[in-house]
Amino acid sequence: MPWLLRMLLNLTVLILLAYGYVGWKLNQALAQLGLLPEPRRQQLILVVIVLLNLYPAVVLVSYIAGSNIWSIALRGGGGLVDLALTYPFWVGLLLVGQLVPFLLLTELARLGLWLLSKNPATVSAWLARLTLLVACAVCVYTAIRIYFDTNHIRLRERVIYTPKLAPAVPELRIVHISDVQVDPRTGPPLVNKFVHKINGLNPDVVFFSGDLVTSGTQYIEQAATLLGQIKARHGVFACLGDHDYWADPQWITRSLRANGIDVIEDNRRLLTLGSSQIELTGVTNIYNRRPRASWLQHLAGTKNNHLISVFLTHQPTDALIGFARENGYDLFLAGHTHGGQVVLNYFGIRLTPVMLETSFLSGFYQVGHMLVSVSNGFGLTFAPVRFQAPAEITLLRLRPAESPSQAWQ
């Protein structure tokens, strides 16, 4: 059984427990206020739970039956499958995931009010109204946030002062992108919008941390052509990601290069950007291909420490980031995580499965003097939506440091 399907089924067990709790709480509140008669109320809640969770059931049955519906739903989706199964499941999951902690708080409120109040019936009625009000508020917030985060492209920007930039260069504009993942959900109109925003930043150079398509070879040429429209004064450079290797790494490499994008696999490039230079190390770091330690040492040992050094890769694994820091790299650029893509935030505590893989989830991290940039990417994987992890473009604005104390700040 594919790992995506196993993960979905394991997740479904937890989801159904959460649905059971939320359904029980809503049933209690509706009963307390007498809003629906008992048989109809319970039947309605059950029907809603079943409809929102048809997705894992259909995916499992289609896999057992040898149908390709499970593959379509998990690896790019599109059309009726998404509309009828995938979107309801993920929207429902996020609604329930957001509701559970707030409903637990109402339980604490109930306990406190019962201890203080002399009229338990009044407390129960008040808490029933509060439960329904909280449910409505969370549903509205979650729906708006899903729509905004799925359709919005955020610009994440950082100004960096470096002594390695020639004083004659007022600013070097580096754009970092990742995980475009063209598929039925992420097609030409969306990618064109993405490329237009990149070009609007007037970049000197663009670095792409891999994952051109989600799966298969159908969208490789289209995706490479779309990315080939990026305009950077000194070029676009890329490494390969997990989905590139699952699709066809040779085809993707050829297509990107044919569209003017230089793909670097376990190698270095010396980039001349006007009067400044960058030493770029591109390394393939994916699930089924980790870089050899001896080759990493070779790449790091031959770089010029007087030049700006950039380490470009796909997965931001802790070990590789540690290696780059120890070997004096200035910038570490990665993607892969999608920022979690679907992130639950419980009172400031962020939860997403990606945190099991790496402590570098999203954004900027200062590791010694090295700046780590982990991009949320652009496309989608597994889930057809984003939540509290919008797509993004990263702009790094390098400027000459005026004093040693200002360097790499």
Protein backbone atom coordinates (compact mmCIF):
# COMPACT_ATOMS: atom_id res chain seq x y z
CA MET A 1 0.00 0.00 0.00
CA PRO A 2 1.44 3.44 -0.95
CA TRP A 3 2.61 5.54 1.99
CA LEU A 4 0.22 8.37 1.06
CA LEU A 5 -2.71 5.99 1.41
CA ARG A 6 -1.39 4.57 4.70
CA MET A 7 -0.97 8.07 6.08
CA LEU A 8 -4.50 9.02 5.01
CA LEU A 9 -6.01 5.97 6.72
CA ASN A 10 -4.04 6.57 9.93
CA LEU A 11 -5.14 10.19 9.89
CA THR A 12 -8.76 9.18 9.37
CA VAL A 13 -8.87 7.30 12.69
CA LEU A 14 -7.91 10.47 14.59
CA ILE A 15 -10.28 12.55 12.48
CA LEU A 16 -13.27 10.33 13.25
CA LEU A 17 -12.52 10.59 16.98
CA ALA A 18 -12.47 14.38 16.65
CA TYR A 19 -15.71 14.31 14.63
CA GLY A 20 -17.31 12.15 17.31
CA TYR A 21 -16.44 14.67 20.01
CA VAL A 22 -17.57 17.70 17.98
CA GLY A 23 -20.78 15.94 16.95
CA TRP A 24 -21.52 15.05 20.57
CA LYS A 25 -20.97 18.64 21.72
CA LEU A 26 -23.15 20.11 18.97
CA ASN A 27 -25.86 17.54 19.65
CA GLN A 28 -25.82 18.52 23.33
CA ALA A 29 -26.08 22.23 22.53
CA LEU A 30 -28.92 21.79 20.03
CA ALA A 31 -30.80 19.55 22.46
CA GLN A 32 -30.37 22.03 25.32
CA LEU A 33 -31.87 24.82 23.22
CA GLY A 34 -34.54 22.59 21.66
CA LEU A 35 -33.65 23.64 18.12
CA LEU A 36 -34.20 20.27 16.42
CA PRO A 37 -36.19 17.16 17.42
CA GLU A 38 -34.02 14.31 18.64
CA PRO A 39 -34.13 11.75 15.79
CA ARG A 40 -33.66 14.37 13.08
CA ARG A 41 -30.88 16.14 14.99
CA GLN A 42 -28.75 13.04 15.41
CA GLN A 43 -29.42 11.85 11.86
CA LEU A 44 -28.38 15.23 10.43
CA ILE A 45 -25.11 15.25 12.37
CA LEU A 46 -24.35 11.68 11.27
CA VAL A 47 -25.11 12.41 7.60
CA VAL A 48 -22.82 15.45 7.62
CA ILE A 49 -19.98 13.43 9.19
CA VAL A 50 -20.39 10.65 6.60
CA LEU A 51 -20.51 13.05 3.62
CA LEU A 52 -17.41 14.90 4.76
CA ASN A 53 -15.50 11.64 5.16
CA LEU A 54 -16.38 9.80 1.95
CA TYR A 55 -12.92 10.63 0.61
CA PRO A 56 -10.84 8.09 2.58
CA ALA A 57 -13.51 5.41 2.13
CA VAL A 58 -13.69 5.86 -1.65
CA VAL A 59 -9.90 6.06 -1.92
CA LEU A 60 -9.46 2.77 -0.03
CA VAL A 61 -12.20 0.96 -1.98
CA SER A 62 -10.84 2.18 -5.33
CA TYR A 63 -7.33 1.06 -4.38
CA ILE A 64 -8.56 -2.43 -3.43
CA ALA A 65 -10.65 -2.60 -6.62
CA GLY A 66 -7.71 -1.56 -8.80
CA SER A 67 -9.28 1.74 -9.90
CA ASN A 68 -7.14 4.85 -10.42
CA ILE A 69 -9.50 7.16 -8.48
CA TRP A 70 -7.31 6.85 -5.37
CA SER A 71 -4.26 7.99 -7.34
CA ILE A 72 -6.10 10.95 -8.87
CA ALA A 73 -7.41 12.04 -5.48
CA LEU A 74 -4.06 11.78 -3.68
CA ARG A 75 -1.65 12.95 -6.39
CA GLY A 76 -3.02 16.06 -7.95
CA GLY A 77 -6.77 15.61 -8.07
CA GLY A 78 -8.97 17.63 -10.35
CA GLY A 79 -12.57 17.88 -11.50
CA LEU A 80 -15.38 15.91 -9.95
CA VAL A 81 -13.13 13.90 -7.62
CA ASP A 82 -11.95 17.07 -5.92
CA LEU A 83 -15.38 18.69 -5.82
CA ALA A 84 -17.23 15.68 -4.42
CA LEU A 85 -14.58 14.08 -2.22
CA THR A 86 -11.30 15.86 -1.64
CA TYR A 87 -12.38 19.41 -0.82
CA PRO A 88 -15.21 18.38 1.57
CA PHE A 89 -12.82 16.09 3.44
CA TRP A 90 -10.08 18.66 3.94
CA VAL A 91 -12.41 21.54 4.73
CA GLY A 92 -14.21 19.34 7.26
CA LEU A 93 -10.91 18.22 8.77
CA LEU A 94 -9.81 21.81 9.30
CA LEU A 95 -13.16 22.84 10.74
CA VAL A 96 -13.08 20.01 13.26
CA GLY A 97 -9.40 20.53 14.00
CA GLN A 98 -10.04 24.18 14.80
CA LEU A 99 -13.19 23.46 16.81
CA VAL A 100 -11.85 20.84 19.22
CA PRO A 101 -9.67 23.10 21.42
CA PHE A 102 -12.34 25.80 21.66
CA LEU A 103 -15.00 23.26 22.61
CA LEU A 104 -12.66 21.87 25.25
CA LEU A 105 -12.40 25.39 26.66
CA THR A 106 -16.19 25.54 26.94
CA GLU A 107 -15.97 22.38 29.08
CA LEU A 108 -13.61 24.20 31.44
CA ALA A 109 -15.97 27.16 31.46
CA ARG A 110 -18.84 24.81 32.30
CA LEU A 111 -16.95 23.40 35.28
CA GLY A 112 -16.09 26.85 36.60
CA LEU A 113 -19.60 28.25 36.18
CA TRP A 114 -21.23 25.24 37.83
CA LEU A 115 -19.01 25.77 40.86
CA LEU A 116 -19.96 29.45 41.04
CA SER A 117 -23.59 29.41 39.93
CA LYS A 118 -26.66 28.47 41.95
CA ASN A 119 -28.71 27.75 38.81
CA PRO A 120 -27.23 24.86 36.74
CA ALA A 121 -30.05 25.05 34.16
CA THR A 122 -29.18 28.66 33.33
CA VAL A 123 -25.50 27.74 33.05
CA SER A 124 -26.30 24.87 30.66
CA ALA A 125 -28.44 27.09 28.42
CA TRP A 126 -25.79 29.82 28.37
CA LEU A 127 -23.03 27.33 27.51
CA ALA A 128 -25.17 25.77 24.76
CA ARG A 129 -25.49 29.19 23.12
CA LEU A 130 -21.75 29.76 23.59
CA THR A 131 -20.97 26.39 21.96
CA LEU A 132 -23.04 27.19 18.87
CA LEU A 133 -21.63 30.72 18.69
CA VAL A 134 -18.06 29.40 18.88
CA ALA A 135 -18.84 26.78 16.22
CA CYS A 136 -20.24 29.43 13.85
CA ALA A 137 -17.31 31.80 14.44
CA VAL A 138 -14.72 29.06 13.89
CA CYS A 139 -16.48 27.91 10.70
CA VAL A 140 -16.52 31.44 9.26
CA TYR A 141 -12.88 32.09 10.19
CA THR A 142 -11.70 28.73 8.84
CA ALA A 143 -13.55 29.13 5.52
CA ILE A 144 -12.15 32.63 4.97
CA ARG A 145 -8.64 31.57 5.96
CA ILE A 146 -8.70 28.51 3.65
CA TYR A 147 -9.79 30.67 0.71
CA PHE A 148 -7.22 33.39 1.40
CA ASP A 149 -4.24 31.11 2.09
CA THR A 150 -5.00 28.87 -0.90
CA ASN A 151 -5.30 31.76 -3.36
CA HIS A 152 -2.86 34.33 -1.97
CA ILE A 153 0.87 34.55 -2.76
CA ARG A 154 2.81 36.11 0.08
CA LEU A 155 6.06 38.03 -0.35
CA ARG A 156 8.57 37.22 2.37
CA GLU A 157 11.40 39.74 2.36
CA ARG A 158 14.73 40.13 4.17
CA VAL A 159 17.49 42.75 3.90
CA ILE A 160 20.96 41.27 4.53
CA TYR A 161 24.17 43.24 4.94
CA THR A 162 27.33 41.44 3.83
CA PRO A 163 31.01 42.43 3.60
CA LYS A 164 31.33 40.10 0.59
CA LEU A 165 29.31 42.36 -1.70
CA ALA A 166 31.27 44.91 -3.72
CA PRO A 167 30.65 48.47 -2.45
CA ALA A 168 29.85 49.51 -6.02
CA VAL A 169 26.77 47.25 -5.92
CA PRO A 170 24.01 49.04 -3.97
CA GLU A 171 21.83 45.93 -3.78
CA LEU A 172 21.72 42.35 -5.05
CA ARG A 173 18.18 41.02 -5.39
CA ILE A 174 17.89 37.24 -4.95
CA VAL A 175 14.50 35.57 -5.39
CA HIS A 176 14.02 32.13 -3.85
CA ILE A 177 11.10 29.88 -4.91
CA SER A 178 10.20 26.24 -4.43
CA ASP A 179 7.63 23.48 -5.02
CA VAL A 180 5.76 24.84 -8.04
CA GLN A 181 4.18 21.38 -8.53
CA VAL A 182 2.14 21.92 -11.68
CA ASP A 183 -0.85 19.54 -11.84
CA PRO A 184 -4.63 19.78 -12.45
CA ARG A 185 -4.98 21.99 -9.36
CA THR A 186 -2.03 24.25 -10.17
CA GLY A 187 -2.36 25.09 -13.84
CA PRO A 188 -1.15 27.81 -16.26
CA PRO A 189 -3.34 30.69 -14.97
CA LEU A 190 -2.02 30.27 -11.42
CA VAL A 191 1.60 29.71 -12.48
CA ASN A 192 1.47 32.72 -14.81
CA LYS A 193 0.32 34.83 -11.86
CA PHE A 194 3.22 33.44 -9.82
CA VAL A 195 5.77 34.18 -12.56
CA HIS A 196 4.35 37.69 -13.06
CA LYS A 197 4.89 38.44 -9.36
CA ILE A 198 8.46 37.13 -9.53
CA ASN A 199 9.27 39.27 -12.56
CA GLY A 200 7.73 42.28 -10.83
CA LEU A 201 10.44 42.00 -8.14
CA ASN A 202 13.12 42.76 -10.74
CA PRO A 203 15.43 39.93 -9.57
CA ASP A 204 19.14 39.73 -10.30
CA VAL A 205 19.06 35.96 -9.88
CA VAL A 206 16.40 33.35 -9.06
CA PHE A 207 17.01 30.11 -7.17
CA PHE A 208 14.44 27.27 -7.41
CA SER A 209 14.54 24.54 -4.73
CA GLY A 210 12.87 21.85 -6.83
CA ASP A 211 9.56 19.99 -7.37
CA LEU A 212 8.45 21.20 -10.79
CA VAL A 213 5.43 18.87 -11.05
CA THR A 214 3.39 16.82 -8.60
CA SER A 215 3.52 13.46 -10.38
CA GLY A 216 3.89 11.79 -13.76
CA THR A 217 5.18 13.30 -16.99
CA GLN A 218 2.03 14.92 -18.38
CA TYR A 219 2.80 18.42 -17.10
CA ILE A 220 6.61 18.50 -17.36
CA GLU A 221 6.89 20.41 -20.64
CA GLN A 222 4.11 22.82 -19.71
CA ALA A 223 5.63 23.51 -16.29
CA ALA A 224 9.15 24.04 -17.65
CA THR A 225 7.83 26.42 -20.32
CA LEU A 226 5.93 28.43 -17.71
CA LEU A 227 8.95 28.70 -15.42
CA GLY A 228 11.09 29.60 -18.41
CA GLN A 229 9.20 32.90 -18.54
CA ILE A 230 10.94 34.07 -15.35
CA LYS A 231 13.16 37.03 -16.12
CA ALA A 232 16.29 37.44 -13.99
CA ARG A 233 19.28 39.52 -15.08
CA HIS A 234 21.81 36.83 -14.29
CA GLY A 235 19.77 33.67 -14.68
CA VAL A 236 17.58 31.08 -12.98
CA PHE A 237 19.17 28.12 -11.18
CA ALA A 238 17.48 24.99 -9.84
CA CYS A 239 17.99 21.74 -8.01
CA LEU A 240 15.66 18.72 -8.18
CA GLY A 241 13.12 17.66 -5.56
CA ASP A 242 11.35 14.48 -4.50
CA HIS A 243 8.45 14.86 -6.94
CA ASP A 244 10.91 15.49 -9.78
CA TYR A 245 12.55 12.14 -9.10
CA TRP A 246 9.21 10.37 -8.77
CA ALA A 247 8.17 11.82 -12.13
CA ASP A 248 11.21 11.69 -14.44
CA PRO A 249 14.39 13.52 -13.32
CA GLN A 250 16.13 13.29 -16.70
CA TRP A 251 13.12 14.67 -18.57
CA ILE A 252 12.63 17.47 -16.06
CA THR A 253 16.32 18.40 -16.22
CA ARG A 254 16.26 18.50 -20.04
CA SER A 255 13.06 20.55 -20.12
CA LEU A 256 14.25 23.10 -17.58
CA ARG A 257 17.58 23.54 -19.36
CA ALA A 258 15.81 23.89 -22.71
CA ASN A 259 13.87 26.77 -21.15
CA GLY A 260 16.95 28.56 -19.88
CA ILE A 261 17.02 27.23 -16.31
CA ASP A 262 20.35 25.80 -15.15
CA VAL A 263 19.83 22.61 -13.13
CA ILE A 264 22.63 21.82 -10.68
CA GLU A 265 22.97 18.34 -9.20
CA ASP A 266 25.69 17.84 -6.61
CA ASN A 267 27.91 20.45 -8.19
CA ARG A 268 29.01 24.09 -8.01
CA ARG A 269 28.67 27.16 -10.19
CA LEU A 270 30.55 30.45 -10.05
CA LEU A 271 28.01 33.15 -10.86
CA THR A 272 29.21 36.55 -12.00
CA LEU A 273 26.60 39.17 -11.18
CA GLY A 274 27.99 42.44 -12.42
CA SER A 275 30.95 43.34 -10.22
CA SER A 276 30.09 40.67 -7.62
CA GLN A 277 30.29 36.89 -7.63
CA ILE A 278 28.35 34.10 -5.93
CA GLU A 279 29.55 30.57 -5.38
CA LEU A 280 26.49 28.36 -5.75
CA THR A 281 26.43 24.77 -4.51
CA GLY A 282 23.44 22.75 -5.71
CA VAL A 283 22.81 19.44 -3.93
CA THR A 284 20.10 16.82 -4.42
CA ASN A 285 18.72 16.01 -0.97
CA ILE A 286 15.53 13.92 -1.20
CA TYR A 287 14.04 10.83 0.43
CA ASN A 288 15.64 8.29 -1.89
CA ARG A 289 18.85 10.15 -2.65
CA ARG A 290 20.95 11.69 0.11
CA PRO A 291 24.24 13.43 -0.73
CA ARG A 292 27.44 11.52 0.01
CA ALA A 293 29.46 13.03 2.85
CA SER A 294 32.73 12.71 0.92
CA TRP A 295 31.34 14.61 -2.06
CA LEU A 296 29.87 17.31 0.16
CA GLN A 297 33.30 17.78 1.73
CA HIS A 298 34.81 18.04 -1.75
CA LEU A 299 32.31 20.72 -2.79
CA ALA A 300 32.78 22.70 0.41
CA GLY A 301 36.56 22.35 0.40
CA THR A 302 37.00 23.96 -3.00
CA LYS A 303 34.81 27.03 -2.49
CA ASN A 304 36.23 30.53 -2.13
CA ASN A 305 35.41 31.87 1.34
CA HIS A 306 35.83 35.45 0.16
CA LEU A 307 32.77 35.16 -2.10
CA ILE A 308 29.09 34.99 -1.17
CA SER A 309 28.30 31.27 -0.91
CA VAL A 310 24.82 29.83 -1.44
CA PHE A 311 23.77 26.26 -0.67
CA LEU A 312 20.71 25.32 -2.76
CA THR A 313 18.80 22.11 -2.03
CA HIS A 314 15.29 20.68 -1.69
CA GLN A 315 14.86 19.21 1.79
CA PRO A 316 16.01 21.31 4.78
CA THR A 317 17.29 18.39 6.82
CA ASP A 318 18.94 19.32 10.11
CA ALA A 319 22.13 17.41 9.28
CA LEU A 320 22.65 19.17 5.95
CA ILE A 321 22.01 22.59 7.47
CA GLY A 322 24.55 21.76 10.17
CA PHE A 323 27.08 20.77 7.51
CA ALA A 324 26.54 24.01 5.57
CA ARG A 325 26.98 26.10 8.71
CA GLU A 326 30.16 24.29 9.73
CA ASN A 327 31.63 24.83 6.27
CA GLY A 328 31.04 28.55 6.13
CA TYR A 329 28.12 28.93 3.74
CA ASP A 330 26.34 32.26 3.90
CA LEU A 331 22.88 31.32 2.63
CA PHE A 332 21.03 27.99 2.77
CA LEU A 333 17.96 27.83 0.50
CA ALA A 334 15.44 24.97 0.67
CA GLY A 335 11.76 24.13 0.19
CA HIS A 336 9.92 20.80 0.46
CA THR A 337 7.90 21.58 3.60
CA HIS A 338 5.27 23.82 1.96
CA GLY A 339 5.39 25.59 5.33
CA GLY A 340 3.29 22.66 6.53
CA GLN A 341 0.64 23.63 3.93
CA VAL A 342 -2.08 22.73 6.42
CA VAL A 343 -1.13 24.07 9.85
CA LEU A 344 -3.21 24.02 13.01
CA ASN A 345 -2.34 26.78 15.46
CA TYR A 346 -3.50 26.16 19.02
CA PHE A 347 -2.94 29.32 21.04
CA GLY A 348 0.47 29.97 19.50
CA ILE A 349 1.50 26.32 19.21
CA ARG A 350 1.83 25.32 15.54
CA LEU A 351 1.09 21.70 14.63
CA THR A 352 1.73 20.06 11.27
CA PRO A 353 3.09 16.61 10.27
CA VAL A 354 6.12 18.20 8.58
CA MET A 355 7.49 19.01 12.04
CA LEU A 356 8.25 15.29 12.42
CA GLU A 357 10.80 15.62 9.58
CA THR A 358 12.63 18.84 10.33
CA SER A 359 12.79 21.67 12.83
CA PHE A 360 13.12 24.10 9.91
CA LEU A 361 9.49 24.49 8.89
CA SER A 362 9.09 27.86 7.20
CA GLY A 363 10.74 31.24 6.85
CA PHE A 364 14.10 32.53 8.02
CA TYR A 365 16.41 30.99 10.61
CA GLN A 366 19.74 32.38 11.74
CA VAL A 367 22.14 29.47 12.24
CA GLY A 368 25.45 30.94 13.32
CA HIS A 369 26.29 33.54 10.70
CA MET A 370 24.39 31.54 8.03
CA LEU A 371 20.85 32.52 7.06
CA VAL A 372 18.49 29.62 6.30
CA SER A 373 15.49 30.32 4.05
CA VAL A 374 12.80 27.62 3.87
CA SER A 375 10.13 28.47 1.32
CA ASN A 376 6.44 27.60 1.66
CA GLY A 377 6.54 26.96 -2.08
CA PHE A 378 3.70 27.58 -4.48
CA GLY A 379 1.89 24.38 -5.43
CA LEU A 380 -0.02 21.81 -3.41
CA THR A 381 0.66 18.27 -2.31
CA PHE A 382 -1.74 15.70 -0.82
CA ALA A 383 -4.22 18.35 0.39
CA PRO A 384 -5.93 20.59 -2.22
CA VAL A 385 -5.88 23.63 0.08
CA ARG A 386 -3.55 25.71 2.22
CA PHE A 387 -4.29 26.79 5.77
CA GLN A 388 -2.11 29.15 7.79
CA ALA A 389 0.74 28.48 5.33
CA PRO A 390 0.15 30.55 2.17
CA ALA A 391 2.17 30.18 -1.00
CA GLU A 392 5.11 32.52 -1.09
CA ILE A 393 7.98 34.14 -2.93
CA THR A 394 11.10 35.00 -0.95
CA LEU A 395 13.12 38.11 -1.76
CA LEU A 396 16.61 38.44 -0.28
CA ARG A 397 18.07 41.93 -0.67
CA LEU A 398 21.83 41.78 -0.17
CA ARG A 399 23.57 45.09 0.55
CA PRO A 400 27.21 45.99 1.32
CA ALA A 401 27.94 46.02 5.06
CA GLU A 402 29.20 49.38 6.27
CA SER A 403 30.91 47.89 9.35
CA PRO A 404 31.89 44.41 10.66
CA SER A 405 29.15 44.56 13.29
CA GLN A 406 26.54 44.99 10.56
CA ALA A 407 27.64 41.89 8.61
CA TRP A 408 24.99 39.22 7.95
CA GLN A 409 22.34 41.07 9.93
